[in-house]
């Protein structure tokens, strides 16, 4: 069955490149020197809306080669963040981390020049090293934990395009709640940054890097050991050590690499780092499904090397470059579909975290598998289904009313053992270590646990399809109401819900979800590309899934009053 992130063509056949799962050929490797030159020297075309600052669900992303991630952007965004935090009265330290993408280091230097010029106390990893996204989130929360007043709160910046190809860069802001900034924040920063860009960045304060790095406001600290030593408060590290598990990890050349040896040393574990290479071209990668180098730890093609080693370890795992995603590999399952592991993790946590309140809710995105719904219902717990984007879990994780937040794209976090907040951004390493804890305490790896779930609840068939859509079609899809769906059945079953708002928090989902007893589909436009996505799931069969997709085509086209979004020769059973 297709994986959660394995996109398909409109014929229902996966778009698989001949290079998928094979070592990256030299002609795919990025020219790092050219990339850095373009970062510093290329000026964005301000008449091209694609080259302006644009914050998606995970900050501003782009590439110097396309004029979408250049020094001009970072100067403007950082100045805008400085002005925003001043406007909010946020005057504590700003924790800044970066991943291993080639332009992350120059972007951090640029940002530091602006932060120092604006007298922002900035804390970076000592030794000019890298820092995972969840480490920054945790550091913000730990600093702010006992500060009742709004004065002197910390916030953060993470410079990463996540699992994107090597030529890309990314820049995201985490406010004092430690999680991804909400749209009201990113809209303000985006608008102000574009004002600055259009004025030639004349309003940007900046000092030379040599002065900025020695500034009294620039502090270099170790982020590694505080995070590693705190892990025992969120994962049962004693159980993992006591089980003497043979574990493997592939950091995919990312920011989690410096953390695994200290984890081994401090907790006495046996985690083998199967790939210790850091290379900004990511030449060690196997190619993703579409023929691109992408450090996606939920892709069996990108994770092919670790999957090939699955029988050498009781559990193995990988992370993307900023370590906010996880990929779990077991001997029985290979690389687990992210939806499958989320369901296993939730069942385990709800039955093994005895200090957690019985009233805490599980958060999931509305395009995640309904296997999660069935697990949570069986345990008599509360499920909160929210729109796509980890930011929707932040308030519940902060106040402890959500014990877990997870999304279908292999991102999740959960509470500390005592039921208080750990991170409000996705944390790949704790999801990795949880797989080891599950194996240690139950004697069965997560792949075996998932087999138990399918024996009890049935086998879900899940897929995602990308279809072309114009900006006008995307805008229309975002504004649909339930009344736009006139049909009463989905693939032979009565429709039980037509949703344009998430049931967990009544927030607009930016699209449509249609639900029946044994299956559902959701359609939503991409925030960054001229495509829209259909997610679908059946608890009956692949044939039933194909029927859902076929009818999704008709329903969406009918609701939009157009046949241009999905061609009529789309998915067929």
Protein backbone atom coordinates (compact mmCIF):
# COMPACT_ATOMS: atom_id res chain seq x y z
CA UNK A 1 0.00 0.00 0.00
CA UNK A 2 1.31 3.52 -0.63
CA UNK A 3 3.08 5.23 2.23
CA UNK A 4 1.80 8.37 3.86
CA UNK A 5 4.17 10.57 1.91
CA UNK A 6 4.29 8.58 -1.31
CA UNK A 7 2.51 10.82 -3.78
CA UNK A 8 0.80 9.37 -6.81
CA UNK A 9 0.05 10.47 -10.31
CA UNK A 10 -3.52 10.96 -11.45
CA UNK A 11 -3.61 7.40 -12.74
CA UNK A 12 -3.07 6.11 -9.23
CA UNK A 13 0.44 4.89 -10.10
CA UNK A 14 3.26 6.32 -7.98
CA UNK A 15 5.55 8.79 -9.78
CA UNK A 16 8.77 6.86 -9.23
CA UNK A 17 12.04 7.97 -10.81
CA UNK A 18 14.46 5.30 -12.13
CA UNK A 19 16.97 6.77 -9.65
CA UNK A 20 14.70 6.28 -6.62
CA UNK A 21 16.45 4.45 -3.79
CA UNK A 22 19.81 4.46 -5.60
CA UNK A 23 22.97 6.38 -4.67
CA UNK A 24 22.88 9.97 -5.87
CA UNK A 25 24.82 10.39 -9.15
CA UNK A 26 27.38 13.19 -9.34
CA UNK A 27 25.32 15.24 -11.78
CA UNK A 28 22.65 15.65 -9.07
CA UNK A 29 25.05 17.21 -6.57
CA UNK A 30 24.76 20.92 -5.91
CA UNK A 31 27.71 23.26 -6.50
CA UNK A 32 28.19 24.61 -2.97
CA UNK A 33 30.53 27.44 -4.03
CA UNK A 34 27.99 28.67 -6.59
CA UNK A 35 25.19 28.34 -4.08
CA UNK A 36 26.97 30.54 -1.55
CA UNK A 37 27.95 33.05 -4.24
CA UNK A 38 24.32 33.34 -5.33
CA UNK A 39 23.23 33.70 -1.70
CA UNK A 40 25.40 36.78 -1.21
CA UNK A 41 25.31 38.36 -4.66
CA UNK A 42 21.90 37.70 -6.22
CA UNK A 43 19.22 40.29 -5.63
CA UNK A 44 15.61 39.09 -5.66
CA UNK A 45 13.36 40.38 -8.43
CA UNK A 46 10.77 42.33 -6.45
CA UNK A 47 8.37 42.28 -9.40
CA UNK A 48 8.23 38.49 -9.11
CA UNK A 49 5.92 37.54 -6.20
CA UNK A 50 7.75 34.22 -5.90
CA UNK A 51 10.93 36.08 -4.93
CA UNK A 52 9.38 38.02 -2.06
CA UNK A 53 9.41 36.80 1.55
CA UNK A 54 6.69 34.19 2.02
CA UNK A 55 6.04 32.30 5.23
CA UNK A 56 4.43 28.88 4.75
CA UNK A 57 3.64 26.43 7.55
CA UNK A 58 7.37 26.21 8.40
CA UNK A 59 8.78 29.66 7.77
CA UNK A 60 10.34 31.16 4.65
CA UNK A 61 11.93 28.65 2.28
CA UNK A 62 13.64 28.93 -1.07
CA UNK A 63 16.93 28.63 -2.91
CA UNK A 64 19.63 31.17 -3.80
CA UNK A 65 19.59 29.67 -7.30
CA UNK A 66 15.97 30.75 -7.77
CA UNK A 67 16.31 34.15 -6.11
CA UNK A 68 14.05 33.01 -3.27
CA UNK A 69 16.52 32.60 -0.39
CA UNK A 70 19.26 35.20 -0.51
CA UNK A 71 21.03 37.49 1.90
CA UNK A 72 18.56 40.26 1.12
CA UNK A 73 15.70 38.04 2.37
CA UNK A 74 17.50 37.11 5.60
CA UNK A 75 18.44 40.72 6.36
CA UNK A 76 14.81 41.78 5.93
CA UNK A 77 13.28 38.86 7.85
CA UNK A 78 15.68 39.19 10.79
CA UNK A 79 15.07 42.94 11.06
CA UNK A 80 11.34 42.30 10.94
CA UNK A 81 11.66 39.73 13.74
CA UNK A 82 13.65 42.22 15.83
CA UNK A 83 10.90 44.80 15.36
CA UNK A 84 8.16 42.28 16.08
CA UNK A 85 9.70 41.07 19.32
CA UNK A 86 10.24 44.70 20.40
CA UNK A 87 6.58 45.42 19.60
CA UNK A 88 5.55 42.42 21.75
CA UNK A 89 7.86 43.35 24.62
CA UNK A 90 9.91 40.17 24.14
CA UNK A 91 13.28 41.21 25.51
CA UNK A 92 14.77 37.96 26.78
CA UNK A 93 17.40 35.95 24.91
CA UNK A 94 16.83 34.65 21.40
CA UNK A 95 18.02 31.06 20.88
CA UNK A 96 19.24 30.50 17.33
CA UNK A 97 20.05 27.18 15.69
CA UNK A 98 20.91 25.99 12.21
CA UNK A 99 21.02 22.71 10.33
CA UNK A 100 23.56 21.30 7.87
CA UNK A 101 22.20 22.70 4.59
CA UNK A 102 24.90 24.63 2.74
CA UNK A 103 23.28 28.06 3.08
CA UNK A 104 22.27 27.64 6.73
CA UNK A 105 25.66 28.82 8.00
CA UNK A 106 25.86 31.98 5.86
CA UNK A 107 22.24 32.73 6.77
CA UNK A 108 23.05 32.42 10.46
CA UNK A 109 25.95 34.85 10.04
CA UNK A 110 23.72 37.34 8.26
CA UNK A 111 21.07 37.03 10.96
CA UNK A 112 23.63 37.49 13.72
CA UNK A 113 24.83 40.74 12.12
CA UNK A 114 21.28 42.11 12.32
CA UNK A 115 20.49 40.74 15.78
CA UNK A 116 23.67 42.23 17.26
CA UNK A 117 23.00 45.59 15.61
CA UNK A 118 19.54 45.56 17.21
CA UNK A 119 21.02 44.69 20.64
CA UNK A 120 19.20 41.36 20.82
CA UNK A 121 20.82 38.92 23.24
CA UNK A 122 21.39 35.90 21.02
CA UNK A 123 22.49 32.43 22.11
CA UNK A 124 24.05 30.07 19.56
CA UNK A 125 25.70 26.67 19.82
CA UNK A 126 29.35 26.99 20.74
CA UNK A 127 31.92 25.97 18.16
CA UNK A 128 29.73 27.13 15.25
CA UNK A 129 27.96 23.77 15.33
CA UNK A 130 24.43 22.77 14.38
CA UNK A 131 21.28 22.55 16.50
CA UNK A 132 18.05 20.57 15.94
CA UNK A 133 14.71 22.36 15.89
CA UNK A 134 13.38 20.58 19.03
CA UNK A 135 16.46 21.61 21.00
CA UNK A 136 15.67 25.27 20.35
CA UNK A 137 12.01 24.72 21.31
CA UNK A 138 12.99 23.02 24.55
CA UNK A 139 15.55 25.71 25.41
CA UNK A 140 12.93 28.46 24.98
CA UNK A 141 10.43 26.62 27.19
CA UNK A 142 12.97 25.82 29.92
CA UNK A 143 14.07 29.46 30.07
CA UNK A 144 10.49 30.72 30.20
CA UNK A 145 9.18 28.00 32.55
CA UNK A 146 9.11 29.94 35.82
CA UNK A 147 8.60 33.43 34.39
CA UNK A 148 5.07 34.40 35.29
CA UNK A 149 5.30 37.90 33.83
CA UNK A 150 5.67 38.57 30.12
CA UNK A 151 8.87 40.48 30.74
CA UNK A 152 12.20 39.03 29.64
CA UNK A 153 10.80 35.99 27.80
CA UNK A 154 12.94 34.03 25.36
CA UNK A 155 12.13 33.14 21.74
CA UNK A 156 14.06 31.60 18.87
CA UNK A 157 15.06 31.25 15.23
CA UNK A 158 15.86 28.01 13.44
CA UNK A 159 17.61 28.18 10.08
CA UNK A 160 16.50 25.10 8.17
CA UNK A 161 14.41 24.04 5.18
CA UNK A 162 13.77 20.73 6.97
CA UNK A 163 14.11 17.75 4.60
CA UNK A 164 14.23 19.90 1.44
CA UNK A 165 16.92 19.38 -1.23
CA UNK A 166 20.53 20.56 -0.63
CA UNK A 167 20.17 23.75 -2.66
CA UNK A 168 17.39 25.05 -0.40
CA UNK A 169 17.43 27.24 2.67
CA UNK A 170 14.83 27.94 5.34
CA UNK A 171 14.29 30.45 8.14
CA UNK A 172 11.61 30.13 10.83
CA UNK A 173 10.66 31.99 13.99
CA UNK A 174 9.51 30.40 17.25
CA UNK A 175 7.88 32.86 19.69
CA UNK A 176 7.99 32.47 23.51
CA UNK A 177 5.62 29.48 23.43
CA UNK A 178 8.46 27.58 21.77
CA UNK A 179 6.43 26.36 18.80
CA UNK A 180 6.07 27.39 15.18
CA UNK A 181 4.82 30.95 14.88
CA UNK A 182 1.10 31.29 14.20
CA UNK A 183 -0.19 33.00 11.07
CA UNK A 184 -0.84 36.32 12.81
CA UNK A 185 2.87 36.44 13.69
CA UNK A 186 4.21 35.24 10.35
CA UNK A 187 1.89 37.56 8.42
CA UNK A 188 3.25 40.56 10.33
CA UNK A 189 6.87 39.48 9.86
CA UNK A 190 6.31 38.67 6.18
CA UNK A 191 4.65 42.01 5.45
CA UNK A 192 7.30 44.03 7.27
CA UNK A 193 10.14 42.07 5.65
CA UNK A 194 8.73 42.77 2.21
CA UNK A 195 8.41 46.48 3.06
CA UNK A 196 12.10 46.47 3.95
CA UNK A 197 13.00 44.56 0.77
CA UNK A 198 11.12 47.02 -1.43
CA UNK A 199 13.00 49.89 0.25
CA UNK A 200 16.33 48.25 -0.58
CA UNK A 201 16.75 47.13 3.05
CA UNK A 202 17.58 50.72 3.99
CA UNK A 203 15.74 50.15 7.27
CA UNK A 204 17.89 47.16 8.28
CA UNK A 205 20.34 47.64 11.14
CA UNK A 206 23.54 45.67 10.61
CA UNK A 207 27.12 45.42 11.83
CA UNK A 208 30.00 43.34 10.35
CA UNK A 209 30.08 39.69 11.38
CA UNK A 210 33.53 39.98 13.02
CA UNK A 211 32.06 42.59 15.34
CA UNK A 212 28.73 40.78 15.79
CA UNK A 213 30.31 37.50 16.92
CA UNK A 214 32.33 39.38 19.58
CA UNK A 215 29.42 41.56 20.64
CA UNK A 216 28.35 41.56 24.29
CA UNK A 217 24.91 40.45 23.09
CA UNK A 218 26.20 37.32 21.36
CA UNK A 219 26.57 34.28 23.63
CA UNK A 220 27.89 30.85 22.72
CA UNK A 221 26.66 28.00 24.89
CA UNK A 222 26.39 24.23 24.70
CA UNK A 223 22.89 23.10 23.74
CA UNK A 224 23.81 19.42 23.50
CA UNK A 225 24.28 18.25 27.09
CA UNK A 226 21.29 20.11 28.63
CA UNK A 227 18.99 18.49 26.07
CA UNK A 228 20.59 15.04 26.34
CA UNK A 229 20.56 15.04 30.16
CA UNK A 230 16.90 16.06 30.17
CA UNK A 231 15.83 13.16 27.92
CA UNK A 232 15.36 10.91 30.96
CA UNK A 233 12.41 13.11 31.92
CA UNK A 234 10.49 12.37 28.71
CA UNK A 235 11.61 8.84 27.72
CA UNK A 236 12.32 5.83 29.96
CA UNK A 237 16.04 5.69 29.25
CA UNK A 238 16.62 3.20 32.09
CA UNK A 239 14.32 0.68 30.39
CA UNK A 240 16.21 1.03 27.11
CA UNK A 241 19.56 0.54 28.83
CA UNK A 242 18.28 -2.43 30.84
CA UNK A 243 17.03 -4.23 27.73
CA UNK A 244 20.50 -4.10 26.09
CA UNK A 245 18.98 -3.30 22.73
CA UNK A 246 21.08 -3.12 19.60
CA UNK A 247 19.94 0.12 17.96
CA UNK A 248 20.91 1.96 14.77
CA UNK A 249 20.52 5.59 13.70
CA UNK A 250 21.09 7.44 10.45
CA UNK A 251 21.00 11.21 11.02
CA UNK A 252 20.97 11.70 7.21
CA UNK A 253 23.86 14.12 7.62
CA UNK A 254 21.74 16.40 9.78
CA UNK A 255 21.78 18.34 13.03
CA UNK A 256 21.02 15.35 15.27
CA UNK A 257 24.44 13.80 14.58
CA UNK A 258 26.33 15.51 17.47
CA UNK A 259 23.67 14.28 19.92
CA UNK A 260 23.81 10.51 19.50
CA UNK A 261 27.24 9.79 20.99
CA UNK A 262 26.46 11.83 24.14
CA UNK A 263 23.16 9.93 24.39
CA UNK A 264 25.10 6.66 24.20
CA UNK A 265 27.67 7.80 26.73
CA UNK A 266 25.35 9.35 29.33
CA UNK A 267 22.74 6.58 29.26
CA UNK A 268 24.94 3.58 28.50
CA UNK A 269 23.11 2.64 25.29
CA UNK A 270 24.22 0.73 22.21
CA UNK A 271 23.19 3.00 19.35
CA UNK A 272 25.29 2.56 16.23
CA UNK A 273 25.56 5.66 14.03
CA UNK A 274 25.29 3.96 10.65
CA UNK A 275 26.19 7.12 8.73
CA UNK A 276 28.42 9.71 10.45
CA UNK A 277 29.02 11.81 7.31
CA UNK A 278 28.15 15.49 7.11
CA UNK A 279 28.41 16.84 3.57
CA UNK A 280 26.52 19.91 2.27
CA UNK A 281 26.02 18.20 -1.09
CA UNK A 282 24.46 15.21 0.72
CA UNK A 283 26.29 12.97 -1.76
CA UNK A 284 25.80 9.94 0.54
CA UNK A 285 22.02 10.04 0.10
CA UNK A 286 19.93 7.64 -1.92
CA UNK A 287 17.60 9.49 -4.26
CA UNK A 288 13.97 10.16 -3.31
CA UNK A 289 10.91 8.96 -5.26
CA UNK A 290 10.95 11.86 -7.73
CA UNK A 291 14.66 11.76 -8.62
CA UNK A 292 15.70 14.50 -6.19
CA UNK A 293 18.03 14.40 -3.20
CA UNK A 294 15.81 14.94 -0.21
CA UNK A 295 16.60 14.09 3.41
CA UNK A 296 13.13 12.75 4.10
CA UNK A 297 13.29 10.15 6.85
CA UNK A 298 9.72 9.03 6.07
CA UNK A 299 10.63 8.07 2.49
CA UNK A 300 11.72 4.46 1.88
CA UNK A 301 13.80 5.70 -1.05
CA UNK A 302 15.71 8.33 0.94
CA UNK A 303 16.09 5.83 3.79
CA UNK A 304 17.11 2.89 1.56
CA UNK A 305 20.54 2.44 3.18
CA UNK A 306 19.14 2.15 6.70
CA UNK A 307 16.27 -0.06 5.54
CA UNK A 308 18.87 -2.43 4.03
CA UNK A 309 20.36 -2.78 7.53
CA UNK A 310 17.04 -3.49 9.26
CA UNK A 311 17.91 -7.05 10.32
CA UNK A 312 21.07 -5.89 12.13
CA UNK A 313 19.14 -3.93 14.76
CA UNK A 314 16.16 -4.55 16.99
CA UNK A 315 15.04 -1.04 16.09
CA UNK A 316 16.67 1.59 13.87
CA UNK A 317 15.67 5.16 13.16
CA UNK A 318 16.52 8.26 11.17
CA UNK A 319 15.89 11.99 11.28
CA UNK A 320 15.75 14.76 8.72
CA UNK A 321 18.32 17.56 8.72
CA UNK A 322 16.78 19.63 11.52
CA UNK A 323 15.66 16.50 13.42
CA UNK A 324 12.02 17.48 13.75
CA UNK A 325 10.91 14.34 11.89
CA UNK A 326 11.42 10.68 12.59
CA UNK A 327 11.61 7.48 10.56
CA UNK A 328 11.29 4.14 12.36
CA UNK A 329 12.78 0.95 10.86
CA UNK A 330 12.06 -2.52 12.26
CA UNK A 331 12.98 -6.01 11.02
CA UNK A 332 9.32 -6.95 10.46
CA UNK A 333 8.08 -3.73 8.84
CA UNK A 334 11.10 -2.08 7.27
CA UNK A 335 10.47 1.67 7.29
CA UNK A 336 7.14 2.20 9.02
CA UNK A 337 4.52 4.38 7.43
CA UNK A 338 4.40 7.49 9.69
CA UNK A 339 0.68 6.99 10.32
CA UNK A 340 1.32 3.45 11.52
CA UNK A 341 3.97 4.48 14.02
CA UNK A 342 1.87 7.38 15.33
CA UNK A 343 -0.93 4.93 16.15
CA UNK A 344 1.48 2.58 17.92
CA UNK A 345 3.12 5.42 19.87
CA UNK A 346 -0.23 6.82 21.00
CA UNK A 347 -1.52 3.44 22.22
CA UNK A 348 1.70 2.81 24.11
CA UNK A 349 1.89 6.25 25.72
CA UNK A 350 -1.75 6.20 26.83
CA UNK A 351 -1.20 2.87 28.58
CA UNK A 352 2.30 3.50 30.02
CA UNK A 353 2.39 7.14 31.17
CA UNK A 354 0.70 6.68 34.52
CA UNK A 355 1.44 10.22 35.75
CA UNK A 356 -0.53 11.71 32.87
CA UNK A 357 -4.08 12.79 33.62
CA UNK A 358 -6.89 10.69 32.16
CA UNK A 359 -8.42 13.88 30.77
CA UNK A 360 -5.53 14.89 28.50
CA UNK A 361 -6.33 14.79 24.79
CA UNK A 362 -4.50 13.33 21.80
CA UNK A 363 -3.99 15.77 18.93
CA UNK A 364 -3.83 14.69 15.30
CA UNK A 365 -4.02 16.50 11.98
CA UNK A 366 -7.20 15.86 10.03
CA UNK A 367 -5.29 14.13 7.21
CA UNK A 368 -3.71 11.59 9.56
CA UNK A 369 -4.94 8.00 9.61
CA UNK A 370 -8.26 7.09 11.22
CA UNK A 371 -6.41 4.20 12.86
CA UNK A 372 -5.51 6.83 15.46
CA UNK A 373 -9.21 7.60 16.00
CA UNK A 374 -9.95 3.93 16.60
CA UNK A 375 -7.06 3.48 19.03
CA UNK A 376 -8.00 6.56 21.07
CA UNK A 377 -11.70 5.65 21.13
CA UNK A 378 -10.96 2.09 22.29
CA UNK A 379 -8.96 3.50 25.21
CA UNK A 380 -11.77 5.88 26.14
CA UNK A 381 -9.66 8.99 25.61
CA UNK A 382 -10.33 12.31 23.90
CA UNK A 383 -9.18 13.00 20.33
CA UNK A 384 -8.68 16.52 18.97
CA UNK A 385 -8.52 16.72 15.18
CA UNK A 386 -6.94 19.97 13.95
CA UNK A 387 -5.92 21.50 10.60
CA UNK A 388 -2.59 20.66 8.98
CA UNK A 389 0.36 22.32 10.72
CA UNK A 390 2.09 21.61 14.03
CA UNK A 391 1.29 25.12 15.30
CA UNK A 392 -2.24 23.91 16.12
CA UNK A 393 -0.88 21.63 18.87
CA UNK A 394 1.15 24.35 20.60
CA UNK A 395 -1.43 25.72 23.08
CA UNK A 396 -2.45 22.24 24.24
CA UNK A 397 1.14 21.04 24.67
CA UNK A 398 2.09 24.22 26.55
CA UNK A 399 -0.68 23.88 29.13
CA UNK A 400 -0.56 20.07 29.26
CA UNK A 401 -4.12 19.57 27.97
CA UNK A 402 -2.69 17.70 24.94
CA UNK A 403 -0.47 14.77 25.86
CA UNK A 404 0.55 14.18 22.24
CA UNK A 405 0.49 16.03 18.94
CA UNK A 406 1.26 14.22 15.71
CA UNK A 407 0.96 14.75 11.99
CA UNK A 408 0.99 12.37 9.04
CA UNK A 409 4.28 13.77 7.75
CA UNK A 410 6.28 12.06 10.54
CA UNK A 411 6.34 14.89 13.05
CA UNK A 412 5.26 14.57 16.68
CA UNK A 413 5.98 15.50 20.27
CA UNK A 414 4.59 14.46 23.64
CA UNK A 415 4.66 15.47 27.29
CA UNK A 416 7.29 14.75 29.88
CA UNK A 417 6.79 11.76 32.17
CA UNK A 418 5.25 14.07 34.79
CA UNK A 419 2.71 15.47 32.32
CA UNK A 420 4.34 18.86 31.72
CA UNK A 421 5.47 20.30 28.41
CA UNK A 422 8.65 19.00 26.72
CA UNK A 423 8.67 20.75 23.34
CA UNK A 424 6.06 22.57 21.32
CA UNK A 425 7.79 21.81 18.05
CA UNK A 426 8.23 18.39 16.48
CA UNK A 427 10.92 16.27 18.15
CA UNK A 428 12.41 13.46 16.06
CA UNK A 429 14.89 12.11 18.65
CA UNK A 430 12.27 11.48 21.34
CA UNK A 431 10.10 9.65 18.80
CA UNK A 432 13.16 7.56 17.89
CA UNK A 433 13.92 6.78 21.51
CA UNK A 434 10.27 6.04 22.22
CA UNK A 435 10.46 3.24 19.61
CA UNK A 436 13.34 1.80 21.63
CA UNK A 437 11.40 2.21 24.89
CA UNK A 438 8.38 0.43 23.42
CA UNK A 439 10.60 -2.46 22.34
CA UNK A 440 12.39 -2.57 25.68
CA UNK A 441 9.28 -2.53 27.88
CA UNK A 442 6.99 -4.76 25.82
CA UNK A 443 9.43 -7.14 24.13
CA UNK A 444 7.86 -6.27 20.76
CA UNK A 445 9.05 -3.65 18.29
CA UNK A 446 6.66 -1.03 16.85
CA UNK A 447 6.22 -3.00 13.64
CA UNK A 448 4.90 -5.97 15.65
CA UNK A 449 2.62 -3.64 17.62
CA UNK A 450 1.16 -2.31 14.41
CA UNK A 451 0.30 -5.82 13.29
CA UNK A 452 -1.70 -6.17 16.50
CA UNK A 453 -3.57 -2.97 15.68
CA UNK A 454 -4.50 -4.17 12.19
CA UNK A 455 -5.66 -7.50 13.60
CA UNK A 456 -8.00 -5.60 15.92
CA UNK A 457 -9.13 -2.67 13.78
CA UNK A 458 -8.46 -3.74 10.18
CA UNK A 459 -5.89 -2.70 7.59
CA UNK A 460 -6.05 0.92 6.45
CA UNK A 461 -5.20 1.78 2.85
CA UNK A 462 -3.92 5.34 2.71
CA UNK A 463 -2.53 7.59 0.00
CA UNK A 464 -1.96 11.17 -1.08
CA UNK A 465 -2.29 12.52 -4.60
CA UNK A 466 -1.00 15.85 -5.90
CA UNK A 467 -2.97 17.55 -8.67
CA UNK A 468 -2.27 20.80 -10.54
CA UNK A 469 -4.40 23.79 -9.62
CA UNK A 470 -4.33 27.47 -10.55
CA UNK A 471 -4.13 30.12 -7.81
CA UNK A 472 -7.80 30.92 -8.52
CA UNK A 473 -8.82 27.27 -8.08
CA UNK A 474 -6.79 27.01 -4.90
CA UNK A 475 -8.45 30.12 -3.48
CA UNK A 476 -11.89 28.74 -4.30
CA UNK A 477 -11.08 25.41 -2.65
CA UNK A 478 -9.99 27.20 0.52
CA UNK A 479 -13.36 28.96 0.77
CA UNK A 480 -15.66 25.97 0.26
CA UNK A 481 -18.53 25.41 2.69
CA UNK A 482 -20.03 21.99 3.56
CA UNK A 483 -23.14 22.94 1.55
CA UNK A 484 -21.03 22.85 -1.61
CA UNK A 485 -20.97 19.03 -1.37
CA UNK A 486 -24.34 17.84 -2.65
CA UNK A 487 -23.57 14.10 -2.67
CA UNK A 488 -24.89 11.92 0.17
CA UNK A 489 -22.72 8.81 -0.32
CA UNK A 490 -18.98 8.09 -0.57
CA UNK A 491 -17.92 4.83 -2.26
CA UNK A 492 -21.15 3.08 -1.38
CA UNK A 493 -21.50 4.35 2.20
CA UNK A 494 -23.55 7.24 3.63
CA UNK A 495 -21.49 10.37 4.23
CA UNK A 496 -21.34 11.05 7.98
CA UNK A 497 -19.47 14.39 7.90
CA UNK A 498 -18.64 17.17 5.46
CA UNK A 499 -15.99 19.33 7.09
CA UNK A 500 -14.44 22.68 6.22
CA UNK A 501 -13.54 23.37 9.85
CA UNK A 502 -11.53 21.06 12.08
CA UNK A 503 -13.70 19.33 14.71
CA UNK A 504 -10.95 19.61 17.34
CA UNK A 505 -10.76 23.40 17.44
CA UNK A 506 -13.26 24.74 14.86
CA UNK A 507 -10.42 26.32 12.87
CA UNK A 508 -10.79 26.51 9.06
CA UNK A 509 -9.01 23.61 7.38
CA UNK A 510 -8.41 25.52 4.17
CA UNK A 511 -10.16 22.84 2.17
CA UNK A 512 -12.64 20.03 2.51
CA UNK A 513 -12.90 16.66 4.28
CA UNK A 514 -15.63 14.12 3.55
CA UNK A 515 -16.08 11.17 5.92
CA UNK A 516 -17.96 7.84 5.76
CA UNK A 517 -17.82 4.84 8.08
CA UNK A 518 -15.04 2.94 6.29
CA UNK A 519 -13.18 5.74 4.55
CA UNK A 520 -12.63 9.44 3.95
CA UNK A 521 -10.89 11.94 1.75
CA UNK A 522 -9.58 15.45 2.28
CA UNK A 523 -8.66 18.04 -0.34
CA UNK A 524 -6.56 21.10 0.42
CA UNK A 525 -4.40 23.46 -1.64
CA UNK A 526 -0.64 23.65 -1.22
CA UNK A 527 0.58 26.81 0.46
CA UNK A 528 3.70 27.07 -1.69
CA UNK A 529 3.03 25.31 -5.03
CA UNK A 530 0.35 25.46 -7.72
CA UNK A 531 -1.01 22.09 -6.73
CA UNK A 532 -3.59 20.77 -4.38
CA UNK A 533 -3.51 17.56 -2.41
CA UNK A 534 -6.05 14.82 -1.96
CA UNK A 535 -5.54 12.53 1.03
CA UNK A 536 -7.68 9.41 1.22
CA UNK A 537 -8.04 6.31 3.36
CA UNK A 538 -10.09 3.12 3.28
CA UNK A 539 -10.46 0.45 5.94
CA UNK A 540 -11.81 -2.00 3.36
CA UNK A 541 -9.45 -2.51 0.42
CA UNK A 542 -7.28 -0.90 -2.22
CA UNK A 543 -10.24 -1.15 -4.59
CA UNK A 544 -12.40 0.79 -2.12
CA UNK A 545 -9.63 3.39 -1.75
CA UNK A 546 -9.55 3.83 -5.53
CA UNK A 547 -13.33 4.27 -5.51
CA UNK A 548 -13.00 6.98 -2.85
CA UNK A 549 -10.41 8.76 -4.96
CA UNK A 550 -12.55 8.52 -8.07
CA UNK A 551 -15.56 9.98 -6.27
CA UNK A 552 -13.36 12.62 -4.62
CA UNK A 553 -12.59 13.80 -8.16
CA UNK A 554 -16.28 14.23 -8.92
CA UNK A 555 -17.14 15.83 -5.56
CA UNK A 556 -14.37 18.41 -5.65
CA UNK A 557 -15.05 19.33 -9.27
CA UNK A 558 -18.79 19.59 -8.59
CA UNK A 559 -18.23 21.66 -5.45
CA UNK A 560 -15.96 24.05 -7.34
CA UNK A 561 -18.21 24.11 -10.39
CA UNK A 562 -15.19 23.17 -12.48
CA UNK A 563 -13.62 20.14 -14.08
CA UNK A 564 -10.22 21.79 -14.36
CA UNK A 565 -8.80 20.84 -10.99
CA UNK A 566 -8.67 17.08 -11.49
CA UNK A 567 -8.89 15.84 -15.07
CA UNK A 568 -11.72 13.43 -15.83
CA UNK A 569 -9.23 10.69 -16.64
CA UNK A 570 -8.12 10.80 -13.01
CA UNK A 571 -7.89 7.92 -10.56
CA UNK A 572 -10.01 4.90 -11.41
CA UNK A 573 -10.52 1.61 -9.51
